[in-house]
Protein backbone atom coordinates (compact mmCIF):
# COMPACT_ATOMS: atom_id res chain seq x y z
CA MET A 1 125.88 84.74 144.34
CA SER A 2 126.55 86.18 147.79
CA ASN A 3 129.36 88.58 148.72
CA THR A 4 131.09 85.75 150.55
CA SER A 5 130.95 83.27 147.69
CA LEU A 6 132.25 85.85 145.22
CA THR A 7 135.15 86.77 147.51
CA MET A 8 135.97 83.16 148.29
CA SER A 9 135.92 82.27 144.60
CA ARG A 10 138.53 84.90 143.91
CA ARG A 11 140.59 83.87 146.93
CA SER A 12 140.53 80.22 145.92
CA ILE A 13 141.99 81.14 142.53
CA LEU A 14 144.78 83.20 144.01
CA ARG A 15 145.49 80.68 146.78
CA SER A 16 145.88 77.90 144.20
CA GLY A 17 148.75 79.87 142.74
CA ALA A 18 146.65 81.28 139.93
CA ALA A 19 149.02 79.07 137.88
CA PHE A 20 149.89 81.55 135.19
CA ALA A 21 151.18 78.76 132.98
CA GLY A 22 154.19 79.35 130.80
CA VAL A 23 154.14 78.86 127.07
CA ALA A 24 157.09 76.48 127.28
CA SER A 25 155.06 73.87 129.13
CA LEU A 26 152.53 73.82 126.29
CA ALA A 27 154.99 73.77 123.40
CA ALA A 28 155.42 69.99 123.16
CA PRO A 29 151.68 69.14 123.02
CA PHE A 30 151.09 71.76 120.32
CA ARG A 31 154.04 70.50 118.27
CA ALA A 32 152.58 67.01 118.43
CA PHE A 33 149.19 68.34 117.34
CA ALA A 34 150.74 70.16 114.37
CA GLN A 35 152.59 67.00 113.34
CA LEU A 36 149.35 65.01 113.52
CA GLN A 37 147.63 67.57 111.30
CA SER A 38 150.38 67.36 108.69
CA VAL A 39 150.15 63.56 108.59
CA THR A 40 146.35 63.33 108.44
CA GLY A 41 145.82 66.30 106.15
CA PHE A 42 143.21 67.82 108.48
CA ASP A 43 144.45 71.29 107.57
CA ALA A 44 143.31 70.92 103.95
CA PRO A 45 139.98 72.58 103.04
CA ILE A 46 137.03 70.24 102.67
CA ALA A 47 133.46 70.73 101.50
CA SER A 48 130.98 71.57 104.25
CA PRO A 49 128.50 68.76 105.01
CA TYR A 50 125.84 71.44 105.53
CA GLY A 51 125.97 72.85 102.01
CA PRO A 52 127.16 76.13 100.46
CA LEU A 53 126.99 79.49 102.23
CA SER A 54 124.66 82.25 101.11
CA PRO A 55 123.31 85.51 102.63
CA VAL A 56 120.53 84.98 105.18
CA ASN A 57 118.32 87.73 106.60
CA ASP A 58 118.35 88.43 110.33
CA LEU A 59 114.98 87.44 111.83
CA ASN A 60 114.84 90.67 113.87
CA THR A 61 116.02 93.34 111.42
CA GLY A 62 115.58 91.71 108.03
CA LEU A 63 119.17 92.61 107.15
CA PRO A 64 121.46 90.04 105.47
CA LEU A 65 124.14 90.17 108.17
CA LEU A 66 125.50 86.61 107.90
CA GLN A 67 126.07 83.91 105.32
CA LEU A 68 124.81 80.49 106.41
CA PRO A 69 124.09 77.05 104.92
CA PRO A 70 120.53 76.21 103.80
CA GLY A 71 118.09 75.72 106.68
CA PHE A 72 120.02 77.84 109.22
CA SER A 73 118.61 81.02 110.78
CA TYR A 74 119.68 83.62 113.35
CA ARG A 75 118.47 86.74 115.14
CA SER A 76 120.45 89.74 116.42
CA PHE A 77 119.87 91.73 119.60
CA GLY A 78 121.64 94.21 121.86
CA TRP A 79 122.75 96.65 119.16
CA SER A 80 124.79 99.72 120.10
CA GLY A 81 122.39 102.54 120.88
CA ASP A 82 119.51 100.26 121.93
CA MET A 83 118.11 101.41 125.27
CA MET A 84 119.03 99.30 128.27
CA ASN A 85 116.64 98.81 131.17
CA ASN A 86 118.27 101.66 133.12
CA GLY A 87 117.46 104.13 130.30
CA GLN A 88 121.05 104.34 129.06
CA PRO A 89 122.01 103.50 125.45
CA THR A 90 123.82 100.21 124.91
CA PRO A 91 127.55 101.04 124.61
CA TYR A 92 129.63 100.61 121.49
CA SER A 93 132.50 98.25 120.57
CA HIS A 94 131.08 94.85 121.50
CA ASP A 95 133.82 92.31 122.15
CA GLY A 96 134.37 89.17 124.25
CA MET A 97 131.29 87.60 125.81
CA SER A 98 129.99 84.42 127.38
CA VAL A 99 126.87 82.86 128.83
CA VAL A 100 127.55 82.69 132.57
CA GLU A 101 124.30 81.28 133.94
CA GLU A 102 121.12 79.53 132.86
CA ARG A 103 118.12 79.50 135.17
CA GLY A 104 114.94 77.92 133.85
CA PRO A 105 113.89 79.87 130.74
CA LEU A 106 116.48 82.60 131.45
CA THR A 107 119.98 82.81 129.98
CA MET A 108 122.46 85.42 131.25
CA LEU A 109 125.21 86.59 128.89
CA ILE A 110 127.90 89.12 129.87
CA ARG A 111 129.44 91.16 127.04
CA ASN A 112 132.54 93.35 126.91
CA HIS A 113 132.73 96.83 125.38
CA GLU A 114 136.24 97.58 124.11
CA SER A 115 136.20 101.37 124.30
CA SER A 116 137.53 104.17 126.46
CA ASN A 117 136.13 107.49 125.25
CA ALA A 118 133.54 106.48 122.66
CA ARG A 119 131.25 108.91 120.84
CA ASP A 120 127.89 108.29 119.25
CA LEU A 121 127.14 108.58 115.53
CA THR A 122 126.64 112.36 115.87
CA GLY A 123 130.04 112.81 117.50
CA GLU A 124 128.68 113.43 120.98
CA PRO A 125 130.67 111.79 123.82
CA LEU A 126 129.02 108.80 125.44
CA SER A 127 128.80 108.35 129.20
CA VAL A 128 130.32 105.93 131.66
CA ILE A 129 128.35 102.70 131.94
CA ASP A 130 126.04 103.37 134.89
CA ALA A 131 126.62 100.10 136.74
CA ARG A 132 126.58 99.50 140.50
CA GLY A 133 130.31 98.86 140.25
CA VAL A 134 132.34 101.66 138.60
CA TYR A 135 136.12 101.33 138.82
CA ASP A 136 137.34 104.76 137.62
CA ASP A 137 135.02 107.78 137.48
CA VAL A 138 137.63 110.21 136.10
CA ARG A 139 136.38 113.01 133.83
CA GLY A 140 138.28 115.43 131.60
CA ASP A 141 139.21 116.24 128.02
CA LEU A 142 139.94 112.57 127.34
CA ALA A 143 136.48 111.44 128.45
CA PRO A 144 134.16 114.34 129.31
CA ASN A 145 131.36 112.01 130.40
CA GLY A 146 133.55 109.30 131.88
CA LEU A 147 135.31 106.19 130.60
CA THR A 148 133.00 104.20 128.35
CA GLY A 149 134.47 100.70 128.57
CA GLY A 150 133.04 97.93 130.70
CA THR A 151 130.42 95.21 130.40
CA THR A 152 126.69 94.84 129.95
CA THR A 153 124.50 91.82 130.65
CA LEU A 154 121.90 90.48 128.25
CA VAL A 155 119.15 88.41 129.86
CA LEU A 156 117.31 86.19 127.39
CA ARG A 157 114.00 84.47 128.03
CA ASN A 158 113.36 81.44 125.84
CA GLY A 159 115.87 82.77 123.34
CA GLU A 160 114.37 86.27 123.12
CA LEU A 161 115.95 89.39 124.63
CA TYR A 162 114.25 90.06 127.97
CA LYS A 163 116.41 92.86 129.41
CA THR A 164 119.83 94.50 129.17
CA LEU A 165 121.67 95.58 132.32
CA PRO A 166 124.92 97.46 133.03
CA SER A 167 127.33 95.21 134.92
CA ILE A 168 130.62 97.15 135.30
CA GLY A 169 131.68 100.67 134.31
CA GLY A 170 134.72 102.91 134.50
CA THR A 171 137.08 100.49 132.78
CA ILE A 172 138.66 100.82 129.34
CA VAL A 173 139.50 98.63 126.35
CA ASN A 174 137.66 95.59 127.70
CA CYS A 175 138.77 93.18 125.01
CA ALA A 176 138.44 89.50 125.81
CA GLY A 177 138.20 87.60 129.07
CA GLY A 178 136.66 84.31 130.08
CA PRO A 179 133.92 82.65 132.15
CA THR A 180 134.56 81.08 135.54
CA PRO A 181 133.26 77.64 136.58
CA TRP A 182 131.07 79.29 139.27
CA GLY A 183 129.15 81.54 136.85
CA THR A 184 130.93 84.88 136.66
CA TRP A 185 132.85 86.64 133.89
CA LEU A 186 136.48 87.78 134.03
CA THR A 187 136.70 90.93 131.91
CA CYS A 188 140.17 92.05 130.83
CA GLU A 189 141.55 95.51 130.08
CA GLU A 190 143.81 95.40 127.04
CA THR A 191 145.84 98.46 128.01
CA THR A 192 148.29 99.77 130.59
CA THR A 193 147.00 103.36 130.56
CA ASP A 194 147.74 105.29 133.74
CA LEU A 195 145.24 108.09 134.44
CA ARG A 196 146.47 109.06 137.91
CA GLU A 197 147.84 112.42 136.70
CA LEU A 198 144.29 113.25 135.59
CA GLY A 199 142.79 112.21 138.91
CA GLY A 200 141.97 108.70 137.73
CA LYS A 201 143.47 105.26 138.28
CA LYS A 202 145.87 102.80 136.72
CA HIS A 203 144.38 100.45 134.16
CA GLY A 204 145.40 97.07 132.79
CA TYR A 205 143.62 94.72 135.17
CA VAL A 206 141.20 91.80 135.25
CA PHE A 207 137.81 92.28 136.95
CA GLU A 208 135.32 89.63 138.07
CA VAL A 209 131.75 90.47 137.05
CA GLU A 210 128.43 88.96 138.12
CA TRP A 211 125.56 89.09 135.65
CA ASN A 212 123.51 91.38 137.89
CA GLY A 213 126.33 93.92 138.29
CA HIS A 214 127.58 93.39 141.85
CA PRO A 215 129.52 96.42 143.22
CA LEU A 216 132.52 94.16 143.98
CA ALA A 217 133.12 93.99 140.23
CA ALA A 218 134.86 97.37 140.51
CA LYS A 219 137.73 95.82 142.50
CA PRO A 220 140.61 94.75 140.20
CA ILE A 221 142.26 91.36 140.69
CA VAL A 222 145.75 92.77 141.13
CA GLY A 223 147.24 89.29 141.55
CA MET A 224 146.52 88.54 137.89
CA GLY A 225 148.93 91.26 136.86
CA ARG A 226 148.77 94.63 135.16
CA MET A 227 149.32 94.33 131.41
CA ALA A 228 147.55 94.46 128.06
CA HIS A 229 145.33 91.50 128.90
CA GLU A 230 143.60 89.44 126.22
CA ALA A 231 141.88 86.21 127.27
CA VAL A 232 141.47 84.19 130.48
CA ALA A 233 140.74 80.50 130.95
CA VAL A 234 140.03 78.86 134.33
CA ASP A 235 140.65 75.12 134.71
CA PRO A 236 137.49 73.85 136.48
CA TYR A 237 139.36 70.93 138.08
CA THR A 238 142.51 72.62 139.39
CA GLY A 239 141.51 76.27 139.63
CA ASP A 240 144.56 77.18 137.55
CA VAL A 241 144.17 80.39 135.56
CA TYR A 242 145.71 80.85 132.13
CA LEU A 243 146.19 84.39 130.81
CA THR A 244 147.22 85.75 127.42
CA GLU A 245 148.73 89.17 126.75
CA ASP A 246 148.16 91.23 123.59
CA ARG A 247 151.24 93.42 123.49
CA ARG A 248 151.93 93.75 119.79
CA ASN A 249 155.11 92.07 118.51
CA VAL A 250 156.22 91.27 122.06
CA SER A 251 153.82 88.89 123.80
CA GLY A 252 151.77 85.86 122.89
């Protein structure tokens, strides 16, 4: 995606009002759905048509990480500590993710890392994700090697891991987010930490990330608000953006 198309995508969202829809407008449909469930009994547990669950070994590691029905299989990839293509270890605290583009045999998946000052298994501080776009490069006692949140991109070829790339660094507590209809990922900071007194920046923003780590990812979308963001959903027909906030015991 070109610089222009990325910028125009963001502008088109904001120009459409970014329609941060209120919960009240959704209350009636959800009440109707709940009533339908109570009448039909869809909320009652039923037997799975696929059979009982049992431990199944991961095809890559041989470890029984998941329980699945008979005949199902899986493989893991992109573990914390695995070396990325830039020579940096894969960050910790995997969180929200989505496939943002498919191109022939290639599949591009962007993944959040919900951390701020992570340390490895030996207790040594990890480093800022070395992406082309780094939002906040503050250092100090809090994060001696930089803020360790952000996103990485996994590129799969025919279902196998092909490469892992850094896609944004210098953010913190990247919890959830959401894909856009034009093939980018909106990563959300679930915090309102202000690091300006330490020479850093304010946090609590949404960032738009391309799979190949475009430098523009480091520019926050201020119009989407500063808060403890959780998820984002973009209506592909209207361009309306729906945001959730994870402020414990206060927001929904």
